[in-house]
Amino acid sequence: MDLFEINLTAVVQLLSFLFLLWMLNKLLYKPFFSMMDKRREKIESDLAEAEQLRKSADAMKKQAEEELKAARQKAEQVIAAAEREAEKIIEDAKQRAQKEAEKIIINAQSEIERQRQEAISQVQSIATELAISLAMKVLKDVVDEKAKREYLMKIIREYEK
């Protein structure tokens, strides 16, 4: 029976060891593992939050890039519209200047033609007077007054035609 003798000291040591394990588990291991679980959960939560913030930052960056691209396109459109408007203004100014130049040329030509006609008229008048005067001197001695007048009137009518 020596093999199965129960040693009271061994039993007490076994019970003490089990009690110590239970106390360590209750006082040390559970709080330690609980703290480790909380820390792991906090780290996982922080990592998830960081990932969410990164995704949010990426989305904001993408949105900002799209807005910048849209703003650049809008600016290019505004610049193109301004260039078209400037070209239109320049073309309108050219057309107005061309019309004004044509108007000035037409007025100048009209004035030249008017002055030419006036000069022709004056020359004709002077020539007529000279012709009459010359004819009077020539015919003074030859023809009587009535015949002179009829002859001069005939010349004037022919000249006016």
N, C-alpha and C. Protein backbone atom coordinates (compact mmCIF):
# COMPACT_ATOMS: atom_id res chain seq x y z
N MET A 1 0.79 -1.16 0.00
CA MET A 1 0.00 0.00 0.00
C MET A 1 0.86 1.26 0.00
N ASP A 2 2.03 1.02 -0.03
CA ASP A 2 2.91 2.17 -0.01
C ASP A 2 2.77 3.00 -1.29
N LEU A 3 2.39 2.33 -2.25
CA LEU A 3 2.26 3.06 -3.51
C LEU A 3 1.11 4.04 -3.46
N PHE A 4 0.10 3.69 -2.78
CA PHE A 4 -1.06 4.55 -2.78
C PHE A 4 -1.23 5.29 -1.47
N GLU A 5 -0.26 5.47 -0.75
CA GLU A 5 -0.38 6.19 0.50
C GLU A 5 -0.56 7.66 0.18
N ILE A 6 -1.37 8.20 0.91
CA ILE A 6 -1.65 9.61 0.69
C ILE A 6 -0.78 10.38 1.67
N ASN A 7 -0.03 11.19 1.08
CA ASN A 7 0.83 12.04 1.88
C ASN A 7 0.08 13.35 2.06
N LEU A 8 -0.14 13.72 3.31
CA LEU A 8 -0.92 14.91 3.62
C LEU A 8 -0.17 16.15 3.17
N THR A 9 1.09 16.14 3.26
CA THR A 9 1.90 17.29 2.84
C THR A 9 1.74 17.47 1.33
N ALA A 10 1.77 16.38 0.62
CA ALA A 10 1.63 16.48 -0.83
C ALA A 10 0.25 17.01 -1.18
N VAL A 11 -0.74 16.60 -0.45
CA VAL A 11 -2.10 17.07 -0.71
C VAL A 11 -2.18 18.57 -0.42
N VAL A 12 -1.62 18.98 0.69
CA VAL A 12 -1.65 20.40 1.07
C VAL A 12 -0.86 21.19 0.02
N GLN A 13 0.25 20.68 -0.40
CA GLN A 13 1.04 21.38 -1.42
C GLN A 13 0.25 21.47 -2.74
N LEU A 14 -0.44 20.37 -3.05
CA LEU A 14 -1.26 20.35 -4.26
C LEU A 14 -2.39 21.36 -4.14
N LEU A 15 -3.04 21.37 -2.99
CA LEU A 15 -4.14 22.33 -2.77
C LEU A 15 -3.59 23.76 -2.78
N SER A 16 -2.44 23.95 -2.16
CA SER A 16 -1.82 25.29 -2.14
C SER A 16 -1.46 25.71 -3.57
N PHE A 17 -0.93 24.77 -4.34
CA PHE A 17 -0.57 25.09 -5.71
C PHE A 17 -1.82 25.44 -6.52
N LEU A 18 -2.90 24.67 -6.36
CA LEU A 18 -4.15 24.94 -7.07
C LEU A 18 -4.74 26.28 -6.63
N PHE A 19 -4.67 26.55 -5.31
CA PHE A 19 -5.17 27.83 -4.80
C PHE A 19 -4.33 28.97 -5.38
N LEU A 20 -3.02 28.78 -5.43
CA LEU A 20 -2.13 29.79 -5.98
C LEU A 20 -2.46 30.02 -7.46
N LEU A 21 -2.70 28.95 -8.20
CA LEU A 21 -3.07 29.09 -9.61
C LEU A 21 -4.38 29.84 -9.76
N TRP A 22 -5.34 29.47 -8.89
CA TRP A 22 -6.64 30.14 -8.94
C TRP A 22 -6.48 31.62 -8.62
N MET A 23 -5.68 31.97 -7.61
CA MET A 23 -5.45 33.36 -7.20
C MET A 23 -4.68 34.11 -8.30
N LEU A 24 -3.68 33.47 -8.84
CA LEU A 24 -2.93 34.10 -9.93
C LEU A 24 -3.85 34.36 -11.13
N ASN A 25 -4.67 33.39 -11.40
CA ASN A 25 -5.60 33.53 -12.51
C ASN A 25 -6.56 34.69 -12.23
N LYS A 26 -7.11 34.74 -11.04
CA LYS A 26 -8.10 35.74 -10.67
C LYS A 26 -7.45 37.11 -10.56
N LEU A 27 -6.32 37.21 -9.91
CA LEU A 27 -5.72 38.50 -9.61
C LEU A 27 -4.70 38.96 -10.66
N LEU A 28 -4.07 38.08 -11.35
CA LEU A 28 -3.00 38.49 -12.26
C LEU A 28 -3.34 38.20 -13.72
N TYR A 29 -3.62 36.94 -14.03
CA TYR A 29 -3.78 36.57 -15.43
C TYR A 29 -5.01 37.21 -16.07
N LYS A 30 -6.18 37.14 -15.40
CA LYS A 30 -7.39 37.71 -15.99
C LYS A 30 -7.24 39.22 -16.20
N PRO A 31 -6.79 40.00 -15.18
CA PRO A 31 -6.61 41.44 -15.43
C PRO A 31 -5.56 41.70 -16.51
N PHE A 32 -4.47 40.91 -16.49
CA PHE A 32 -3.41 41.10 -17.48
C PHE A 32 -3.94 40.82 -18.89
N PHE A 33 -4.61 39.68 -19.05
CA PHE A 33 -5.14 39.34 -20.37
C PHE A 33 -6.29 40.28 -20.77
N SER A 34 -7.05 40.71 -19.78
CA SER A 34 -8.11 41.68 -20.06
C SER A 34 -7.49 42.99 -20.56
N MET A 35 -6.43 43.43 -19.87
CA MET A 35 -5.73 44.64 -20.28
C MET A 35 -5.12 44.44 -21.68
N MET A 36 -4.55 43.29 -21.94
CA MET A 36 -3.96 43.00 -23.24
C MET A 36 -5.05 42.98 -24.33
N ASP A 37 -6.22 42.41 -24.00
CA ASP A 37 -7.33 42.40 -24.96
C ASP A 37 -7.81 43.82 -25.25
N LYS A 38 -7.93 44.61 -24.18
CA LYS A 38 -8.35 46.01 -24.36
C LYS A 38 -7.32 46.77 -25.20
N ARG A 39 -6.05 46.54 -24.92
CA ARG A 39 -4.99 47.20 -25.68
C ARG A 39 -5.03 46.76 -27.14
N ARG A 40 -5.21 45.46 -27.38
CA ARG A 40 -5.32 44.95 -28.75
C ARG A 40 -6.53 45.57 -29.45
N GLU A 41 -7.66 45.63 -28.74
CA GLU A 41 -8.86 46.25 -29.32
C GLU A 41 -8.63 47.73 -29.62
N LYS A 42 -7.93 48.43 -28.71
CA LYS A 42 -7.62 49.85 -28.90
C LYS A 42 -6.71 50.02 -30.12
N ILE A 43 -5.69 49.15 -30.23
CA ILE A 43 -4.78 49.22 -31.38
C ILE A 43 -5.54 48.94 -32.67
N GLU A 44 -6.39 47.91 -32.66
CA GLU A 44 -7.18 47.59 -33.85
C GLU A 44 -8.12 48.74 -34.19
N SER A 45 -8.73 49.32 -33.15
CA SER A 45 -9.62 50.47 -33.35
C SER A 45 -8.85 51.65 -33.93
N ASP A 46 -7.67 51.93 -33.36
CA ASP A 46 -6.85 53.03 -33.87
C ASP A 46 -6.41 52.77 -35.30
N LEU A 47 -6.04 51.52 -35.60
CA LEU A 47 -5.66 51.18 -36.97
C LEU A 47 -6.84 51.34 -37.93
N ALA A 48 -8.02 50.90 -37.50
CA ALA A 48 -9.21 51.05 -38.34
C ALA A 48 -9.53 52.53 -38.54
N GLU A 49 -9.40 53.31 -37.46
CA GLU A 49 -9.66 54.75 -37.56
C GLU A 49 -8.62 55.41 -38.48
N ALA A 50 -7.36 54.99 -38.34
CA ALA A 50 -6.31 55.53 -39.21
C ALA A 50 -6.58 55.17 -40.67
N GLU A 51 -7.01 53.96 -40.91
CA GLU A 51 -7.34 53.54 -42.27
C GLU A 51 -8.52 54.35 -42.80
N GLN A 52 -9.52 54.56 -41.94
CA GLN A 52 -10.68 55.37 -42.33
C GLN A 52 -10.24 56.81 -42.65
N LEU A 53 -9.37 57.36 -41.79
CA LEU A 53 -8.87 58.72 -42.02
C LEU A 53 -8.04 58.79 -43.31
N ARG A 54 -7.25 57.75 -43.56
CA ARG A 54 -6.47 57.71 -44.80
C ARG A 54 -7.39 57.68 -46.01
N LYS A 55 -8.43 56.84 -45.93
CA LYS A 55 -9.39 56.77 -47.04
C LYS A 55 -10.10 58.12 -47.22
N SER A 56 -10.46 58.72 -46.10
CA SER A 56 -11.11 60.03 -46.15
C SER A 56 -10.17 61.08 -46.75
N ALA A 57 -8.90 61.04 -46.34
CA ALA A 57 -7.91 61.98 -46.89
C ALA A 57 -7.71 61.73 -48.38
N ASP A 58 -7.67 60.45 -48.78
CA ASP A 58 -7.54 60.13 -50.20
C ASP A 58 -8.74 60.66 -50.99
N ALA A 59 -9.94 60.47 -50.41
CA ALA A 59 -11.15 60.96 -51.07
C ALA A 59 -11.12 62.48 -51.17
N MET A 60 -10.69 63.14 -50.10
CA MET A 60 -10.60 64.61 -50.12
C MET A 60 -9.56 65.08 -51.14
N LYS A 61 -8.44 64.36 -51.19
CA LYS A 61 -7.39 64.70 -52.15
C LYS A 61 -7.91 64.55 -53.57
N LYS A 62 -8.61 63.44 -53.82
CA LYS A 62 -9.17 63.20 -55.14
C LYS A 62 -10.19 64.28 -55.49
N GLN A 63 -11.04 64.62 -54.53
CA GLN A 63 -12.04 65.67 -54.76
C GLN A 63 -11.36 67.01 -55.03
N ALA A 64 -10.32 67.31 -54.26
CA ALA A 64 -9.59 68.57 -54.46
C ALA A 64 -8.95 68.60 -55.84
N GLU A 65 -8.38 67.46 -56.27
CA GLU A 65 -7.77 67.38 -57.60
C GLU A 65 -8.82 67.58 -58.69
N GLU A 66 -10.00 66.96 -58.49
CA GLU A 66 -11.08 67.12 -59.47
C GLU A 66 -11.55 68.57 -59.52
N GLU A 67 -11.68 69.20 -58.33
CA GLU A 67 -12.09 70.60 -58.29
C GLU A 67 -11.04 71.49 -58.94
N LEU A 68 -9.77 71.18 -58.70
CA LEU A 68 -8.69 71.94 -59.33
C LEU A 68 -8.73 71.77 -60.84
N LYS A 69 -8.95 70.54 -61.28
CA LYS A 69 -9.05 70.27 -62.72
C LYS A 69 -10.23 71.03 -63.32
N ALA A 70 -11.37 70.99 -62.62
CA ALA A 70 -12.55 71.72 -63.10
C ALA A 70 -12.28 73.22 -63.13
N ALA A 71 -11.59 73.72 -62.11
CA ALA A 71 -11.27 75.16 -62.06
C ALA A 71 -10.33 75.53 -63.21
N ARG A 72 -9.37 74.66 -63.50
CA ARG A 72 -8.45 74.93 -64.62
C ARG A 72 -9.21 74.94 -65.95
N GLN A 73 -10.11 73.96 -66.11
CA GLN A 73 -10.90 73.92 -67.34
C GLN A 73 -11.76 75.18 -67.46
N LYS A 74 -12.36 75.58 -66.34
CA LYS A 74 -13.19 76.79 -66.33
C LYS A 74 -12.34 78.01 -66.69
N ALA A 75 -11.13 78.07 -66.11
CA ALA A 75 -10.23 79.19 -66.41
C ALA A 75 -9.85 79.18 -67.89
N GLU A 76 -9.58 78.00 -68.44
CA GLU A 76 -9.25 77.91 -69.86
C GLU A 76 -10.42 78.36 -70.72
N GLN A 77 -11.64 77.99 -70.31
CA GLN A 77 -12.83 78.42 -71.04
C GLN A 77 -12.98 79.93 -70.98
N VAL A 78 -12.76 80.50 -69.79
CA VAL A 78 -12.87 81.95 -69.63
C VAL A 78 -11.82 82.65 -70.49
N ILE A 79 -10.60 82.12 -70.48
CA ILE A 79 -9.52 82.71 -71.29
C ILE A 79 -9.87 82.62 -72.77
N ALA A 80 -10.36 81.45 -73.19
CA ALA A 80 -10.73 81.28 -74.61
C ALA A 80 -11.86 82.24 -74.98
N ALA A 81 -12.85 82.38 -74.09
CA ALA A 81 -13.95 83.31 -74.36
C ALA A 81 -13.44 84.74 -74.43
N ALA A 82 -12.52 85.09 -73.54
CA ALA A 82 -11.95 86.44 -73.56
C ALA A 82 -11.16 86.68 -74.85
N GLU A 83 -10.42 85.67 -75.28
CA GLU A 83 -9.67 85.79 -76.54
C GLU A 83 -10.61 85.96 -77.72
N ARG A 84 -11.71 85.17 -77.73
CA ARG A 84 -12.69 85.31 -78.81
C ARG A 84 -13.32 86.71 -78.78
N GLU A 85 -13.64 87.18 -77.59
CA GLU A 85 -14.24 88.51 -77.45
C GLU A 85 -13.26 89.58 -77.91
N ALA A 86 -11.99 89.43 -77.55
CA ALA A 86 -10.97 90.40 -77.98
C ALA A 86 -10.84 90.39 -79.50
N GLU A 87 -10.82 89.19 -80.09
CA GLU A 87 -10.74 89.09 -81.54
C GLU A 87 -11.95 89.74 -82.20
N LYS A 88 -13.12 89.53 -81.61
CA LYS A 88 -14.35 90.13 -82.14
C LYS A 88 -14.26 91.65 -82.05
N ILE A 89 -13.79 92.17 -80.92
CA ILE A 89 -13.66 93.62 -80.75
C ILE A 89 -12.67 94.18 -81.77
N ILE A 90 -11.55 93.48 -81.94
CA ILE A 90 -10.55 93.93 -82.92
C ILE A 90 -11.14 93.92 -84.33
N GLU A 91 -11.85 92.85 -84.66
CA GLU A 91 -12.46 92.75 -85.99
C GLU A 91 -13.50 93.84 -86.19
N ASP A 92 -14.32 94.10 -85.15
CA ASP A 92 -15.31 95.18 -85.24
C ASP A 92 -14.62 96.53 -85.44
N ALA A 93 -13.54 96.74 -84.71
CA ALA A 93 -12.80 98.01 -84.84
C ALA A 93 -12.23 98.14 -86.25
N LYS A 94 -11.70 97.03 -86.79
CA LYS A 94 -11.17 97.05 -88.16
C LYS A 94 -12.28 97.40 -89.15
N GLN A 95 -13.44 96.75 -88.97
CA GLN A 95 -14.55 97.01 -89.88
C GLN A 95 -15.01 98.46 -89.79
N ARG A 96 -15.11 98.98 -88.55
CA ARG A 96 -15.52 100.38 -88.38
C ARG A 96 -14.50 101.31 -89.03
N ALA A 97 -13.22 101.01 -88.83
CA ALA A 97 -12.17 101.84 -89.42
C ALA A 97 -12.23 101.76 -90.95
N GLN A 98 -12.46 100.56 -91.48
CA GLN A 98 -12.58 100.38 -92.93
C GLN A 98 -13.77 101.17 -93.46
N LYS A 99 -14.90 101.08 -92.78
CA LYS A 99 -16.09 101.82 -93.22
C LYS A 99 -15.85 103.32 -93.14
N GLU A 100 -15.21 103.76 -92.07
CA GLU A 100 -14.91 105.19 -91.91
C GLU A 100 -13.96 105.65 -93.02
N ALA A 101 -12.95 104.82 -93.33
CA ALA A 101 -12.01 105.17 -94.40
C ALA A 101 -12.74 105.24 -95.74
N GLU A 102 -13.62 104.27 -95.99
CA GLU A 102 -14.39 104.28 -97.23
C GLU A 102 -15.28 105.52 -97.30
N LYS A 103 -15.89 105.87 -96.18
CA LYS A 103 -16.75 107.05 -96.12
C LYS A 103 -15.93 108.32 -96.41
N ILE A 104 -14.75 108.40 -95.80
CA ILE A 104 -13.88 109.56 -96.03
C ILE A 104 -13.46 109.63 -97.50
N ILE A 105 -13.12 108.47 -98.08
CA ILE A 105 -12.72 108.42 -99.49
C ILE A 105 -13.89 108.85 -100.38
N ILE A 106 -15.08 108.34 -100.10
CA ILE A 106 -16.26 108.70 -100.89
C ILE A 106 -16.54 110.19 -100.77
N ASN A 107 -16.47 110.71 -99.55
CA ASN A 107 -16.69 112.15 -99.35
C ASN A 107 -15.63 112.96 -100.09
N ALA A 108 -14.38 112.52 -100.01
CA ALA A 108 -13.31 113.23 -100.71
C ALA A 108 -13.53 113.19 -102.21
N GLN A 109 -13.92 112.01 -102.73
CA GLN A 109 -14.19 111.90 -104.16
C GLN A 109 -15.36 112.79 -104.57
N SER A 110 -16.39 112.82 -103.73
CA SER A 110 -17.54 113.68 -104.01
C SER A 110 -17.13 115.14 -104.01
N GLU A 111 -16.32 115.52 -103.01
CA GLU A 111 -15.86 116.91 -102.92
C GLU A 111 -14.98 117.25 -104.12
N ILE A 112 -14.11 116.32 -104.52
CA ILE A 112 -13.25 116.55 -105.69
C ILE A 112 -14.11 116.70 -106.94
N GLU A 113 -15.11 115.82 -107.09
CA GLU A 113 -15.99 115.90 -108.26
C GLU A 113 -16.78 117.21 -108.25
N ARG A 114 -17.26 117.63 -107.08
CA ARG A 114 -18.00 118.89 -106.97
C ARG A 114 -17.10 120.07 -107.36
N GLN A 115 -15.87 120.06 -106.82
CA GLN A 115 -14.94 121.14 -107.14
C GLN A 115 -14.56 121.12 -108.63
N ARG A 116 -14.43 119.91 -109.18
CA ARG A 116 -14.12 119.78 -110.60
C ARG A 116 -15.24 120.35 -111.45
N GLN A 117 -16.48 119.97 -111.08
CA GLN A 117 -17.64 120.49 -111.82
C GLN A 117 -17.71 122.01 -111.70
N GLU A 118 -17.43 122.49 -110.49
CA GLU A 118 -17.44 123.95 -110.26
C GLU A 118 -16.36 124.63 -111.11
N ALA A 119 -15.17 124.02 -111.13
CA ALA A 119 -14.09 124.58 -111.94
C ALA A 119 -14.45 124.56 -113.42
N ILE A 120 -15.04 123.45 -113.87
CA ILE A 120 -15.45 123.34 -115.27
C ILE A 120 -16.49 124.42 -115.59
N SER A 121 -17.42 124.58 -114.66
CA SER A 121 -18.46 125.59 -114.85
C SER A 121 -17.85 126.99 -114.92
N GLN A 122 -16.90 127.26 -114.03
CA GLN A 122 -16.25 128.57 -114.03
C GLN A 122 -15.45 128.78 -115.32
N VAL A 123 -14.75 127.73 -115.74
CA VAL A 123 -13.97 127.82 -116.98
C VAL A 123 -14.91 128.05 -118.16
N GLN A 124 -16.04 127.32 -118.18
CA GLN A 124 -17.01 127.50 -119.26
C GLN A 124 -17.57 128.92 -119.26
N SER A 125 -17.86 129.39 -118.06
CA SER A 125 -18.40 130.75 -117.94
C SER A 125 -17.38 131.78 -118.43
N ILE A 126 -16.14 131.62 -117.99
CA ILE A 126 -15.08 132.55 -118.41
C ILE A 126 -14.85 132.42 -119.92
N ALA A 127 -14.84 131.20 -120.41
CA ALA A 127 -14.63 130.98 -121.85
C ALA A 127 -15.77 131.59 -122.65
N THR A 128 -16.99 131.44 -122.15
CA THR A 128 -18.15 132.02 -122.83
C THR A 128 -18.03 133.54 -122.87
N GLU A 129 -17.67 134.12 -121.73
CA GLU A 129 -17.52 135.57 -121.67
C GLU A 129 -16.42 136.05 -122.62
N LEU A 130 -15.31 135.32 -122.62
CA LEU A 130 -14.22 135.68 -123.53
C LEU A 130 -14.64 135.53 -124.99
N ALA A 131 -15.36 134.45 -125.26
CA ALA A 131 -15.80 134.22 -126.64
C ALA A 131 -16.77 135.32 -127.08
N ILE A 132 -17.67 135.67 -126.16
CA ILE A 132 -18.63 136.73 -126.49
C ILE A 132 -17.89 138.05 -126.70
N SER A 133 -16.97 138.32 -125.80
CA SER A 133 -16.21 139.56 -125.89
C SER A 133 -15.41 139.61 -127.20
N LEU A 134 -14.77 138.50 -127.51
CA LEU A 134 -13.99 138.43 -128.74
C LEU A 134 -14.89 138.55 -129.96
N ALA A 135 -16.01 137.83 -129.90
CA ALA A 135 -16.94 137.87 -131.02
C ALA A 135 -17.50 139.28 -131.20
N MET A 136 -17.73 139.94 -130.08
CA MET A 136 -18.27 141.31 -130.16
C MET A 136 -17.25 142.24 -130.84
N LYS A 137 -16.02 142.06 -130.47
CA LYS A 137 -14.98 142.91 -131.07
C LYS A 137 -14.86 142.64 -132.56
N VAL A 138 -14.94 141.36 -132.93
CA VAL A 138 -14.79 141.00 -134.33
C VAL A 138 -16.01 141.46 -135.13
N LEU A 139 -17.16 141.25 -134.57
CA LEU A 139 -18.39 141.55 -135.30
C LEU A 139 -18.83 143.00 -135.16
N LYS A 140 -18.18 143.73 -134.34
CA LYS A 140 -18.57 145.10 -134.04
C LYS A 140 -18.67 145.94 -135.32
N ASP A 141 -17.72 145.78 -136.10
CA ASP A 141 -17.68 146.58 -137.30
C ASP A 141 -18.50 145.95 -138.43
N VAL A 142 -18.66 144.64 -138.43
CA VAL A 142 -19.23 143.96 -139.57
C VAL A 142 -20.76 143.87 -139.48
N VAL A 143 -21.28 143.50 -138.40
CA VAL A 143 -22.70 143.15 -138.32
C VAL A 143 -23.42 144.14 -137.40
N ASP A 144 -24.67 144.28 -137.64
CA ASP A 144 -25.44 145.18 -136.77
C ASP A 144 -25.76 144.51 -135.44
N GLU A 145 -26.28 145.26 -134.54
CA GLU A 145 -26.54 144.83 -133.16
C GLU A 145 -27.48 143.63 -133.11
N LYS A 146 -28.54 143.62 -133.84
CA LYS A 146 -29.53 142.55 -133.78
C LYS A 146 -28.94 141.24 -134.27
N ALA A 147 -28.23 141.25 -135.32
CA ALA A 147 -27.62 140.07 -135.88
C ALA A 147 -26.55 139.52 -134.94
N LYS A 148 -25.84 140.46 -134.29
CA LYS A 148 -24.82 140.04 -133.32
C LYS A 148 -25.47 139.25 -132.20
N ARG A 149 -26.55 139.76 -131.71
CA ARG A 149 -27.22 139.08 -130.58
C ARG A 149 -27.73 137.71 -130.99
N GLU A 150 -28.35 137.62 -132.13
CA GLU A 150 -28.87 136.34 -132.59
C GLU A 150 -27.73 135.34 -132.78
N TYR A 151 -26.64 135.81 -133.35
CA TYR A 151 -25.49 134.94 -133.56
C TYR A 151 -24.90 134.48 -132.22
N LEU A 152 -24.75 135.38 -131.29
CA LEU A 152 -24.21 135.03 -129.97
C LEU A 152 -25.14 134.07 -129.23
N MET A 153 -26.43 134.29 -129.32
CA MET A 153 -27.39 133.39 -128.66
C MET A 153 -27.31 131.99 -129.26
N LYS A 154 -27.12 131.93 -130.55
CA LYS A 154 -26.97 130.64 -131.22
C LYS A 154 -25.71 129.94 -130.72
N ILE A 155 -24.61 130.67 -130.61
CA ILE A 155 -23.35 130.09 -130.12
C ILE A 155 -23.51 129.61 -128.68
N ILE A 156 -24.16 130.42 -127.87
CA ILE A 156 -24.34 130.05 -126.45
C ILE A 156 -25.19 128.79 -126.35
N ARG A 157 -26.28 128.70 -127.13
CA ARG A 157 -27.13 127.50 -127.09
C ARG A 157 -26.37 126.26 -127.54
N GLU A 158 -25.55 126.40 -128.53
CA GLU A 158 -24.75 125.27 -128.99
C GLU A 158 -23.71 124.86 -127.94
N TYR A 159 -23.13 125.88 -127.32
CA TYR A 159 -22.11 125.60 -126.31
C TYR A 159 -22.72 124.94 -125.06
N GLU A 160 -23.92 125.32 -124.71
CA GLU A 160 -24.58 124.75 -123.51
C GLU A 160 -25.01 123.31 -123.73
N LYS A 161 -25.19 122.93 -124.98
CA LYS A 161 -25.60 121.56 -125.27
C LYS A 161 -24.45 120.68 -125.00
